[in-house]
C-alpha atoms as a PDB file:
ATOM      1  CA  MET A   1     102.145  37.803 101.465  1.00  0.00           C
ATOM      2  CA  PRO A   2      99.396  39.436  98.725  1.00  0.00           C
ATOM      3  CA  ASN A   3      96.316  37.388  98.047  1.00  0.00           C
ATOM      4  CA  ILE A   4      96.161  35.189  95.517  1.00  0.00           C
ATOM      5  CA  ILE A   5      92.902  35.032  93.832  1.00  0.00           C
ATOM      6  CA  LEU A   6      92.189  31.857  91.981  1.00  0.00           C
ATOM      7  CA  ARG A   7      89.480  32.184  88.861  1.00  0.00           C
ATOM      8  CA  PRO A   8      86.903  30.180  87.610  1.00  0.00           C
ATOM      9  CA  GLY A   9      88.124  28.282  84.114  1.00  0.00           C
ATOM     10  CA  TRP A  10      86.004  29.827  82.317  1.00  0.00           C
ATOM     11  CA  HIS A  11      86.269  33.392  84.011  1.00  0.00           C
ATOM     12  CA  VAL A  12      86.907  36.795  81.449  1.00  0.00           C
ATOM     13  CA  PRO A  13      88.400  39.861  82.201  1.00  0.00           C
ATOM     14  CA  GLU A  14      85.600  42.993  81.989  1.00  0.00           C
ATOM     15  CA  ARG A  15      88.180  44.272  79.323  1.00  0.00           C
ATOM     16  CA  LEU A  16      86.492  41.434  76.962  1.00  0.00           C
ATOM     17  CA  VAL A  17      83.152  41.543  77.677  1.00  0.00           C
ATOM     18  CA  THR A  18      81.772  43.450  74.492  1.00  0.00           C
ATOM     19  CA  PRO A  19      80.854  47.183  75.344  1.00  0.00           C
ATOM     20  CA  GLU A  20      77.315  48.370  75.154  1.00  0.00           C
ATOM     21  CA  LYS A  21      78.053  50.873  72.718  1.00  0.00           C
ATOM     22  CA  VAL A  22      79.343  48.009  70.508  1.00  0.00           C
ATOM     23  CA  TYR A  23      76.213  45.839  70.862  1.00  0.00           C
ATOM     24  CA  ARG A  24      73.915  48.686  70.122  1.00  0.00           C
ATOM     25  CA  ASN A  25      75.619  48.897  67.394  1.00  0.00           C
ATOM     26  CA  ARG A  26      74.933  45.425  65.508  1.00  0.00           C
ATOM     27  CA  ARG A  27      71.649  46.774  64.608  1.00  0.00           C
ATOM     28  CA  HIS A  28      72.534  47.014  60.665  1.00  0.00           C
ATOM     29  CA  PHE A  29      75.559  43.394  60.798  1.00  0.00           C
ATOM     30  CA  LEU A  30      71.833  41.901  62.606  1.00  0.00           C
ATOM     31  CA  ALA A  31      69.383  43.447  59.808  1.00  0.00           C
ATOM     32  CA  GLU A  32      71.604  41.773  57.138  1.00  0.00           C
ATOM     33  CA  LEU A  33      71.219  38.437  59.384  1.00  0.00           C
ATOM     34  CA  GLY A  34      67.297  37.776  59.527  1.00  0.00           C
ATOM     35  CA  PHE A  35      67.017  40.264  62.263  1.00  0.00           C
ATOM     36  CA  CYS A  36      65.409  42.980  60.140  1.00  0.00           C
ATOM     37  CA  GLY A  37      61.873  42.073  60.887  1.00  0.00           C
ATOM     38  CA  LEU A  38      62.336  43.003  63.936  1.00  0.00           C
ATOM     39  CA  CYS A  39      62.798  46.750  63.514  1.00  0.00           C
ATOM     40  CA  PRO A  40      59.221  47.864  63.116  1.00  0.00           C
ATOM     41  CA  MET A  41      58.990  47.063  66.480  1.00  0.00           C
ATOM     42  CA  PHE A  42      60.910  49.062  68.229  1.00  0.00           C
ATOM     43  CA  GLY A  43      59.174  52.013  66.732  1.00  0.00           C
ATOM     44  CA  SER A  44      55.653  53.047  66.655  1.00  0.00           C
ATOM     45  CA  THR A  45      54.193  49.334  67.529  1.00  0.00           C
ATOM     46  CA  LEU A  46      55.497  50.420  71.288  1.00  0.00           C
ATOM     47  CA  ALA A  47      54.272  53.678  70.717  1.00  0.00           C
ATOM     48  CA  ALA A  48      51.047  52.864  70.956  1.00  0.00           C
ATOM     49  CA  GLU A  49      50.764  49.726  72.795  1.00  0.00           C
ATOM     50  CA  GLY A  50      52.479  50.881  76.230  1.00  0.00           C
ATOM     51  CA  PRO A  51      56.154  50.685  76.783  1.00  0.00           C
ATOM     52  CA  SER A  52      57.583  47.052  77.277  1.00  0.00           C
ATOM     53  CA  THR A  53      59.870  47.380  80.399  1.00  0.00           C
ATOM     54  CA  ASN A  54      59.331  47.101  83.882  1.00  0.00           C
ATOM     55  CA  SER A  55      58.876  50.862  85.247  1.00  0.00           C
ATOM     56  CA  ALA A  56      59.312  49.952  88.120  1.00  0.00           C
ATOM     57  CA  SER A  57      61.420  53.651  90.542  1.00  0.00           C
ATOM     58  CA  ALA A  58      64.059  50.714  91.472  1.00  0.00           C
ATOM     59  CA  ALA A  59      65.221  50.913  87.607  1.00  0.00           C
ATOM     60  CA  LYS A  60      67.521  54.413  88.953  1.00  0.00           C
ATOM     61  CA  ASP A  61      69.920  52.178  90.996  1.00  0.00           C
ATOM     62  CA  TYR A  62      70.508  50.425  87.951  1.00  0.00           C
ATOM     63  CA  PRO A  63      73.472  48.924  86.478  1.00  0.00           C
ATOM     64  CA  TYR A  64      74.636  47.106  89.656  1.00  0.00           C
ATOM     65  CA  TRP A  65      78.473  45.872  90.240  1.00  0.00           C
ATOM     66  CA  ARG A  66      79.361  42.980  88.043  1.00  0.00           C
ATOM     67  CA  ASN A  67      80.214  39.990  89.942  1.00  0.00           C
ATOM     68  CA  PRO A  68      83.746  38.849  88.411  1.00  0.00           C
ATOM     69  CA  GLU A  69      83.171  35.311  89.519  1.00  0.00           C
ATOM     70  CA  PHE A  70      80.129  34.685  87.223  1.00  0.00           C
ATOM     71  CA  ASN A  71      81.770  35.981  84.199  1.00  0.00           C
ATOM     72  CA  PRO A  72      81.854  33.302  81.296  1.00  0.00           C
ATOM     73  CA  ALA A  73      85.732  33.374  79.162  1.00  0.00           C
ATOM     74  CA  ASN A  74      85.930  33.136  75.315  1.00  0.00           C
ATOM     75  CA  VAL A  75      82.503  34.670  74.894  1.00  0.00           C
ATOM     76  CA  ARG A  76      80.416  38.404  74.027  1.00  0.00           C
ATOM     77  CA  LEU A  77      77.986  39.101  75.056  1.00  0.00           C
ATOM     78  CA  THR A  78      74.539  38.713  73.162  1.00  0.00           C
ATOM     79  CA  ASP A  79      73.165  41.885  70.787  1.00  0.00           C
ATOM     80  CA  GLU A  80      70.816  42.600  73.502  1.00  0.00           C
ATOM     81  CA  GLU A  81      67.949  44.119  70.912  1.00  0.00           C
ATOM     82  CA  VAL A  82      67.979  40.807  70.329  1.00  0.00           C
ATOM     83  CA  ALA A  83      68.244  38.523  73.979  1.00  0.00           C
ATOM     84  CA  ILE A  84      65.055  41.519  74.322  1.00  0.00           C
ATOM     85  CA  SER A  85      63.191  40.777  71.420  1.00  0.00           C
ATOM     86  CA  TYR A  86      63.328  36.729  70.800  1.00  0.00           C
ATOM     87  CA  ASN A  87      61.591  35.393  73.283  1.00  0.00           C
ATOM     88  CA  ASN A  88      59.666  32.214  74.177  1.00  0.00           C
ATOM     89  CA  PHE A  89      57.043  33.468  76.382  1.00  0.00           C
ATOM     90  CA  TYR A  90      53.818  31.211  75.408  1.00  0.00           C
ATOM     91  CA  GLU A  91      51.755  33.274  77.840  1.00  0.00           C
ATOM     92  CA  PHE A  92      51.971  36.104  75.012  1.00  0.00           C
ATOM     93  CA  SER A  93      52.391  33.764  71.631  1.00  0.00           C
ATOM     94  CA  THR A  94      54.105  30.925  70.295  1.00  0.00           C
ATOM     95  CA  THR A  95      55.930  33.058  67.691  1.00  0.00           C
ATOM     96  CA  LYS A  96      59.210  34.326  69.731  1.00  0.00           C
ATOM     97  CA  THR A  97      59.359  38.248  67.701  1.00  0.00           C
ATOM     98  CA  ARG A  98      55.745  38.631  68.135  1.00  0.00           C
ATOM     99  CA  VAL A  99      56.000  38.948  72.038  1.00  0.00           C
ATOM    100  CA  ARG A 100      57.102  42.167  72.717  1.00  0.00           C
ATOM    101  CA  ARG A 101      54.950  43.732  70.653  1.00  0.00           C
ATOM    102  CA  LEU A 102      51.639  41.875  72.821  1.00  0.00           C
ATOM    103  CA  THR A 103      53.163  42.979  76.297  1.00  0.00           C
ATOM    104  CA  GLY A 104      51.495  46.277  76.546  1.00  0.00           C
ATOM    105  CA  LYS A 105      48.383  45.387  78.555  1.00  0.00           C
ATOM    106  CA  PHE A 106      50.375  43.440  80.991  1.00  0.00           C
ATOM    107  CA  VAL A 107      50.483  44.626  84.374  1.00  0.00           C
ATOM    108  CA  THR A 108      54.232  44.562  86.208  1.00  0.00           C
ATOM    109  CA  SER A 109      54.110  47.483  89.208  1.00  0.00           C
ATOM    110  CA  PRO A 110      52.327  47.458  91.977  1.00  0.00           C
ATOM    111  CA  TRP A 111      53.340  43.159  91.844  1.00  0.00           C
ATOM    112  CA  ASP A 112      53.654  40.677  95.076  1.00  0.00           C
ATOM    113  CA  VAL A 113      55.258  37.623  95.617  1.00  0.00           C
ATOM    114  CA  GLN A 114      53.556  35.303  97.590  1.00  0.00           C
ATOM    115  CA  ILE A 115      56.439  32.203  99.497  1.00  0.00           C
ATOM    116  CA  GLY A 116      54.748  29.620 101.286  1.00  0.00           C
ATOM    117  CA  GLY A 117      54.689  25.990 101.944  1.00  0.00           C
ATOM    118  CA  PHE A 118      56.989  24.448 104.651  1.00  0.00           C
ATOM    119  CA  VAL A 119      58.508  27.676 105.508  1.00  0.00           C
ATOM    120  CA  GLU A 120      58.845  28.715 109.064  1.00  0.00           C
ATOM    121  CA  LYS A 121      58.470  31.832 107.985  1.00  0.00           C
ATOM    122  CA  PRO A 122      55.899  32.577 104.624  1.00  0.00           C
ATOM    123  CA  MET A 123      55.803  35.858 103.799  1.00  0.00           C
ATOM    124  CA  LYS A 124      54.234  38.110 100.460  1.00  0.00           C
ATOM    125  CA  LEU A 125      56.949  40.118  99.673  1.00  0.00           C
ATOM    126  CA  SER A 126      56.504  43.072  97.031  1.00  0.00           C
ATOM    127  CA  MET A 127      58.754  44.112  94.667  1.00  0.00           C
ATOM    128  CA  GLU A 128      60.265  47.026  96.159  1.00  0.00           C
ATOM    129  CA  GLU A 129      60.726  44.267  99.390  1.00  0.00           C
ATOM    130  CA  VAL A 130      62.393  42.246  97.685  1.00  0.00           C
ATOM    131  CA  ALA A 131      64.331  44.405  95.530  1.00  0.00           C
ATOM    132  CA  SER A 132      65.288  45.283  98.831  1.00  0.00           C
ATOM    133  CA  MET A 133      66.129  42.971 100.641  1.00  0.00           C
ATOM    134  CA  PHE A 134      70.012  41.262  99.432  1.00  0.00           C
ATOM    135  CA  PRO A 135      72.438  43.791  97.233  1.00  0.00           C
ATOM    136  CA  LEU A 136      71.614  42.660  93.786  1.00  0.00           C
ATOM    137  CA  GLU A 137      74.455  41.888  91.328  1.00  0.00           C
ATOM    138  CA  GLU A 138      75.116  41.098  87.792  1.00  0.00           C
ATOM    139  CA  ARG A 139      76.576  38.210  86.295  1.00  0.00           C
ATOM    140  CA  VAL A 140      76.970  37.109  82.856  1.00  0.00           C
ATOM    141  CA  TYR A 141      75.097  33.903  82.408  1.00  0.00           C
ATOM    142  CA  ARG A 142      74.868  31.258  78.971  1.00  0.00           C
ATOM    143  CA  PHE A 143      71.715  31.008  78.292  1.00  0.00           C
ATOM    144  CA  ARG A 144      70.660  27.223  76.434  1.00  0.00           C
ATOM    145  CA  CYS A 145      67.060  26.768  75.278  1.00  0.00           C
ATOM    146  CA  VAL A 146      66.102  23.372  74.285  1.00  0.00           C
ATOM    147  CA  GLU A 147      65.305  24.849  70.904  1.00  0.00           C
ATOM    148  CA  ALA A 148      68.902  23.954  70.151  1.00  0.00           C
ATOM    149  CA  TRP A 149      69.648  28.079  70.299  1.00  0.00           C
ATOM    150  CA  SER A 150      71.837  29.838  72.957  1.00  0.00           C
ATOM    151  CA  MET A 151      72.616  33.054  74.215  1.00  0.00           C
ATOM    152  CA  VAL A 152      74.817  35.245  76.582  1.00  0.00           C
ATOM    153  CA  VAL A 153      73.068  37.492  78.935  1.00  0.00           C
ATOM    154  CA  PRO A 154      74.179  39.387  81.488  1.00  0.00           C
ATOM    155  CA  TRP A 155      71.264  38.993  84.250  1.00  0.00           C
ATOM    156  CA  THR A 156      70.855  41.246  87.586  1.00  0.00           C
ATOM    157  CA  GLY A 157      69.677  39.599  90.629  1.00  0.00           C
ATOM    158  CA  PHE A 158      70.821  37.530  93.797  1.00  0.00           C
ATOM    159  CA  PRO A 159      71.246  34.085  94.814  1.00  0.00           C
ATOM    160  CA  LEU A 160      67.315  32.042  95.546  1.00  0.00           C
ATOM    161  CA  SER A 161      69.391  30.832  98.205  1.00  0.00           C
ATOM    162  CA  LYS A 162      69.836  34.153 100.117  1.00  0.00           C
ATOM    163  CA  LEU A 163      65.485  34.346  99.973  1.00  0.00           C
ATOM    164  CA  ILE A 164      65.519  29.938 101.138  1.00  0.00           C
ATOM    165  CA  GLU A 165      67.450  30.611 103.409  1.00  0.00           C
ATOM    166  CA  LYS A 166      64.712  34.163 105.213  1.00  0.00           C
ATOM    167  CA  VAL A 167      61.664  32.100 105.044  1.00  0.00           C
ATOM    168  CA  VAL A 168      63.427  28.853 106.690  1.00  0.00           C
ATOM    169  CA  PRO A 169      62.424  25.820 104.942  1.00  0.00           C
ATOM    170  CA  LYS A 170      61.029  23.013 107.064  1.00  0.00           C
ATOM    171  CA  PRO A 171      62.462  19.137 107.077  1.00  0.00           C
ATOM    172  CA  GLN A 172      59.495  18.311 104.952  1.00  0.00           C
ATOM    173  CA  ALA A 173      60.297  20.971 102.273  1.00  0.00           C
ATOM    174  CA  LYS A 174      62.163  18.446  98.779  1.00  0.00           C
ATOM    175  CA  PHE A 175      61.702  20.849  95.995  1.00  0.00           C
ATOM    176  CA  VAL A 176      60.512  24.287  95.428  1.00  0.00           C
ATOM    177  CA  LYS A 177      58.250  25.142  93.038  1.00  0.00           C
ATOM    178  CA  PHE A 178      57.339  28.675  91.569  1.00  0.00           C
ATOM    179  CA  THR A 179      54.524  29.527  89.436  1.00  0.00           C
ATOM    180  CA  THR A 180      53.502  32.451  87.095  1.00  0.00           C
ATOM    181  CA  PHE A 181      50.629  34.957  86.853  1.00  0.00           C
ATOM    182  CA  PHE A 182      47.538  34.036  85.182  1.00  0.00           C
ATOM    183  CA  ARG A 183      46.076  37.092  83.565  1.00  0.00           C
ATOM    184  CA  PRO A 184      43.712  36.005  80.750  1.00  0.00           C
ATOM    185  CA  ASP A 185      42.522  40.004  79.853  1.00  0.00           C
ATOM    186  CA  GLN A 186      46.236  40.599  79.961  1.00  0.00           C
ATOM    187  CA  ALA A 187      48.170  38.099  77.562  1.00  0.00           C
ATOM    188  CA  PRO A 188      46.445  36.619  74.755  1.00  0.00           C
ATOM    189  CA  GLY A 189      48.067  33.095  75.503  1.00  0.00           C
ATOM    190  CA  PHE A 190      46.165  31.806  77.653  1.00  0.00           C
ATOM    191  CA  THR A 191      43.159  31.811  75.445  1.00  0.00           C
ATOM    192  CA  GLU A 192      44.873  31.186  72.503  1.00  0.00           C
ATOM    193  CA  LEU A 193      46.618  28.274  73.919  1.00  0.00           C
ATOM    194  CA  SER A 194      43.126  26.888  76.394  1.00  0.00           C
ATOM    195  CA  ASN A 195      44.694  23.489  76.498  1.00  0.00           C
ATOM    196  CA  TYR A 196      47.548  24.187  78.750  1.00  0.00           C
ATOM    197  CA  PRO A 197      48.062  23.632  81.979  1.00  0.00           C
ATOM    198  CA  TRP A 198      47.567  27.512  82.718  1.00  0.00           C
ATOM    199  CA  PRO A 199      49.147  29.092  85.065  1.00  0.00           C
ATOM    200  CA  TYR A 200      52.946  28.157  84.029  1.00  0.00           C
ATOM    201  CA  THR A 201      54.967  26.179  86.725  1.00  0.00           C
ATOM    202  CA  GLU A 202      58.671  25.165  87.410  1.00  0.00           C
ATOM    203  CA  GLY A 203      60.129  23.419  89.559  1.00  0.00           C
ATOM    204  CA  LEU A 204      63.645  22.831  91.273  1.00  0.00           C
ATOM    205  CA  ARG A 205      65.227  20.099  93.783  1.00  0.00           C
ATOM    206  CA  MET A 206      66.377  22.148  97.579  1.00  0.00           C
ATOM    207  CA  ASP A 207      69.718  21.174  95.812  1.00  0.00           C
ATOM    208  CA  GLU A 208      69.678  22.660  93.197  1.00  0.00           C
ATOM    209  CA  ALA A 209      67.486  26.038  94.607  1.00  0.00           C
ATOM    210  CA  MET A 210      70.035  27.071  96.823  1.00  0.00           C
ATOM    211  CA  ASN A 211      73.019  26.536  94.331  1.00  0.00           C
ATOM    212  CA  PRO A 212      74.679  29.877  93.879  1.00  0.00           C
ATOM    213  CA  LEU A 213      73.991  29.532  90.087  1.00  0.00           C
ATOM    214  CA  THR A 214      70.371  30.268  90.357  1.00  0.00           C
ATOM    215  CA  LEU A 215      69.400  33.604  90.934  1.00  0.00           C
ATOM    216  CA  VAL A 216      66.380  35.458  92.012  1.00  0.00           C
ATOM    217  CA  THR A 217      66.245  37.916  88.578  1.00  0.00           C
ATOM    218  CA  THR A 218      65.007  42.152  88.227  1.00  0.00           C
ATOM    219  CA  GLY A 219      66.980  42.888  85.382  1.00  0.00           C
ATOM    220  CA  ILE A 220      68.603  42.542  82.104  1.00  0.00           C
ATOM    221  CA  TYR A 221      71.684  44.766  80.352  1.00  0.00           C
ATOM    222  CA  GLY A 222      71.933  46.825  83.539  1.00  0.00           C
ATOM    223  CA  LYS A 223      68.328  47.639  83.669  1.00  0.00           C
ATOM    224  CA  PRO A 224      65.762  45.463  84.766  1.00  0.00           C
ATOM    225  CA  LEU A 225      63.375  43.322  82.994  1.00  0.00           C
ATOM    226  CA  PRO A 226      61.468  43.757  80.167  1.00  0.00           C
ATOM    227  CA  LYS A 227      58.232  42.347  80.599  1.00  0.00           C
ATOM    228  CA  GLN A 228      58.969  40.028  77.283  1.00  0.00           C
ATOM    229  CA  ASN A 229      62.051  38.635  79.834  1.00  0.00           C
ATOM    230  CA  GLY A 230      59.793  37.947  82.994  1.00  0.00           C
ATOM    231  CA  ALA A 231      59.541  41.049  84.322  1.00  0.00           C
ATOM    232  CA  PRO A 232      59.294  42.200  87.188  1.00  0.00           C
ATOM    233  CA  ILE A 233      60.909  39.057  88.613  1.00  0.00           C
ATOM    234  CA  ARG A 234      62.112  35.451  87.233  1.00  0.00           C
ATOM    235  CA  ILE A 235      64.368  32.780  88.220  1.00  0.00           C
ATOM    236  CA  VAL A 236      67.795  31.800  85.834  1.00  0.00           C
ATOM    237  CA  VAL A 237      69.175  28.477  85.957  1.00  0.00           C
ATOM    238  CA  PRO A 238      72.024  28.508  84.131  1.00  0.00           C
ATOM    239  CA  TRP A 239      73.301  24.831  83.666  1.00  0.00           C
ATOM    240  CA  LYS A 240      69.161  23.651  82.457  1.00  0.00           C
ATOM    241  CA  TYR A 241      67.222  24.377  79.774  1.00  0.00           C
ATOM    242  CA  GLY A 242      65.729  28.060  79.598  1.00  0.00           C
ATOM    243  CA  TYR A 243      62.260  26.906  80.613  1.00  0.00           C
ATOM    244  CA  LYS A 244      63.121  25.973  83.341  1.00  0.00           C
ATOM    245  CA  SER A 245      64.420  29.789  84.207  1.00  0.00           C
ATOM    246  CA  ILE A 246      60.536  30.762  85.151  1.00  0.00           C
ATOM    247  CA  LYS A 247      59.086  34.029  84.326  1.00  0.00           C
ATOM    248  CA  SER A 248      57.019  36.824  86.072  1.00  0.00           C
ATOM    249  CA  ILE A 249      56.636  35.025  89.694  1.00  0.00           C
ATOM    250  CA  VAL A 250      53.580  35.338  91.810  1.00  0.00           C
ATOM    251  CA  ARG A 251      53.988  32.081  94.625  1.00  0.00           C
ATOM    252  CA  ILE A 252      57.129  30.341  95.288  1.00  0.00           C
ATOM    253  CA  ASP A 253      56.392  27.384  97.597  1.00  0.00           C
ATOM    254  CA  PHE A 254      58.916  24.392  99.823  1.00  0.00           C
ATOM    255  CA  VAL A 255      57.065  21.230  98.618  1.00  0.00           C
ATOM    256  CA  ASP A 256      57.638  17.939  99.951  1.00  0.00           C
ATOM    257  CA  LYS A 257      57.003  15.885  96.672  1.00  0.00           C
ATOM    258  CA  GLN A 258      58.446  16.932  92.934  1.00  0.00           C
ATOM    259  CA  PRO A 259      55.501  19.025  91.777  1.00  0.00           C
ATOM    260  CA  PRO A 260      53.826  18.810  87.908  1.00  0.00           C
ATOM    261  CA  THR A 261      55.175  21.265  85.715  1.00  0.00           C
ATOM    262  CA  LEU A 262      53.832  22.758  82.541  1.00  0.00           C
ATOM    263  CA  TRP A 263      56.243  21.150  80.091  1.00  0.00           C
ATOM    264  CA  GLU A 264      56.676  17.779  82.336  1.00  0.00           C
ATOM    265  CA  SER A 265      52.620  17.987  81.858  1.00  0.00           C
ATOM    266  CA  LEU A 266      52.590  18.119  78.159  1.00  0.00           C
ATOM    267  CA  ALA A 267      54.639  16.048  77.155  1.00  0.00           C
ATOM    268  CA  PRO A 268      56.750  14.246  79.743  1.00  0.00           C
ATOM    269  CA  ASP A 269      59.431  12.427  77.427  1.00  0.00           C
ATOM    270  CA  GLU A 270      60.157  15.738  75.743  1.00  0.00           C
ATOM    271  CA  TYR A 271      60.689  18.356  78.631  1.00  0.00           C
ATOM    272  CA  PRO A 272      61.541  15.892  81.365  1.00  0.00           C
ATOM    273  CA  PHE A 273      61.805  18.029  85.554  1.00  0.00           C
ATOM    274  CA  GLU A 274      65.489  17.219  85.729  1.00  0.00           C
ATOM    275  CA  SER A 275      66.239  19.008  81.963  1.00  0.00           C
ATOM    276  CA  ASN A 276      70.229  19.598  82.293  1.00  0.00           C
ATOM    277  CA  VAL A 277      71.834  21.075  79.460  1.00  0.00           C
ATOM    278  CA  ASN A 278      73.748  17.443  78.173  1.00  0.00           C
ATOM    279  CA  PRO A 279      74.709  17.471  74.452  1.00  0.00           C
ATOM    280  CA  ASN A 280      74.257  13.283  74.998  1.00  0.00           C
ATOM    281  CA  ILE A 281      70.868  13.376  75.519  1.00  0.00           C
ATOM    282  CA  ARG A 282      68.957  14.207  72.165  1.00  0.00           C
ATOM    283  CA  HIS A 283      65.798  15.985  72.108  1.00  0.00           C
ATOM    284  CA  PRO A 284      63.520  13.061  70.436  1.00  0.00           C
ATOM    285  CA  ARG A 285      63.252  15.777  67.598  1.00  0.00           C
ATOM    286  CA  TRP A 286      66.725  16.869  67.078  1.00  0.00           C
ATOM    287  CA  SER A 287      69.932  17.091  68.531  1.00  0.00           C
ATOM    288  CA  GLN A 288      71.155  18.749  71.144  1.00  0.00           C
ATOM    289  CA  ALA A 289      75.133  18.641  70.051  1.00  0.00           C
ATOM    290  CA  THR A 290      75.226  21.859  68.487  1.00  0.00           C
ATOM    291  CA  GLU A 291      73.504  24.776  69.285  1.00  0.00           C
ATOM    292  CA  ARG A 292      72.768  27.724  67.454  1.00  0.00           C
ATOM    293  CA  VAL A 293      73.779  31.822  68.733  1.00  0.00           C
ATOM    294  CA  VAL A 294      70.890  33.775  68.046  1.00  0.00           C
ATOM    295  CA  ASP A 295      72.509  36.611  67.057  1.00  0.00           C
ATOM    296  CA  THR A 296      75.066  35.880  64.401  1.00  0.00           C
ATOM    297  CA  GLY A 297      74.120  31.810  63.241  1.00  0.00           C
ATOM    298  CA  ASN A 298      76.655  30.128  63.941  1.00  0.00           C
ATOM    299  CA  ARG A 299      76.509  26.600  64.913  1.00  0.00           C
ATOM    300  CA  VAL A 300      78.906  25.888  67.960  1.00  0.00           C
ATOM    301  CA  ASN A 301      79.140  23.004  70.573  1.00  0.00           C
ATOM    302  CA  THR A 302      76.707  22.324  73.534  1.00  0.00           C
ATOM    303  CA  ILE A 303      78.423  21.944  76.733  1.00  0.00           C
ATOM    304  CA  LEU A 304      77.170  19.392  79.699  1.00  0.00           C
ATOM    305  CA  TYR A 305      76.201  21.486  82.368  1.00  0.00           C
ATOM    306  CA  ASN A 306      76.286  24.369  79.682  1.00  0.00           C
ATOM    307  CA  GLY A 307      79.639  24.934  80.655  1.00  0.00           C
ATOM    308  CA  TYR A 308      78.968  25.287  84.406  1.00  0.00           C
ATOM    309  CA  GLY A 309      79.903  21.869  85.459  1.00  0.00           C
ATOM    310  CA  GLU A 310      81.979  22.591  87.945  1.00  0.00           C
ATOM    311  CA  TYR A 311      79.378  24.043  90.169  1.00  0.00           C
ATOM    312  CA  VAL A 312      76.813  21.418  89.475  1.00  0.00           C
ATOM    313  CA  ALA A 313      78.278  18.377  88.398  1.00  0.00           C
ATOM    314  CA  LYS A 314      78.308  16.941  92.325  1.00  0.00           C
ATOM    315  CA  LEU A 315      74.984  17.434  92.164  1.00  0.00           C
ATOM    316  CA  TYR A 316      73.770  14.473  89.398  1.00  0.00           C
ATOM    317  CA  ALA A 317      76.899  12.154  91.071  1.00  0.00           C
ATOM    318  CA  LYS A 318      75.724   8.586  91.014  1.00  0.00           C
ATOM    319  CA  SER A 319      75.797   7.464  94.462  1.00  0.00           C
END
């Protein structure tokens, strides 16, 4: 009897994913939608300030195999030029379209990640070690910002659960805390927002961190992460608002208490620790019932857990 493969309800065949040549040829259309202001940053400005991509030698191995299980149905990829040019990264700028232009001094190689806290096997890993420790794969994920805009992005990485199993958490480990870099000489946002509780920190419950969706991410669109998208390593948690998917990680700590996070410290009513995508819970300053697709301007209805309920709803079932 032949094997029967049951795909998730949001699976899409490879033939329905927008080819790279198609979304690259949409630049003229995007200009008409108001993204013409991005064009200069692809030219002499970037050449003067240095490349915006992670130049690790592992680039030669991209693209990686796309996992068919994580390939949402009835969606198309966001135009690559938009996804790498429309970035919330306050370490560089509060203006999304300026971030890419301000990353020239940001050094992403060499790069180490320290892993510690309540674990049996604390580690300090170079990016080369991280990238070679587990097989990398590509996953197409919806990405929903708390500001009510969205993208669909192909990320490359491996499940965080694999790394967690490697370091062997102790029973006291109830949460995972992530910390990003702090280099005021390389990122102007640290100085411009000196009242923020830098460095940027985020966290997950242990069961959220172990969920198969939670991805240690090193690439995007079949290439290593650009600096503005969180090079050389970030986390992607697709059922939560985007600020939970912390960029440019330098530390991962296993802790026994819920860790303070930057945005929750600044405005706990607006950016609570859980921060699951939920159209029924409005932000104090705007509705979350709909979202703007960034490269078309269309508004669509927001889906509970960003469409990943079959994977994560059980984590939040009331006892």
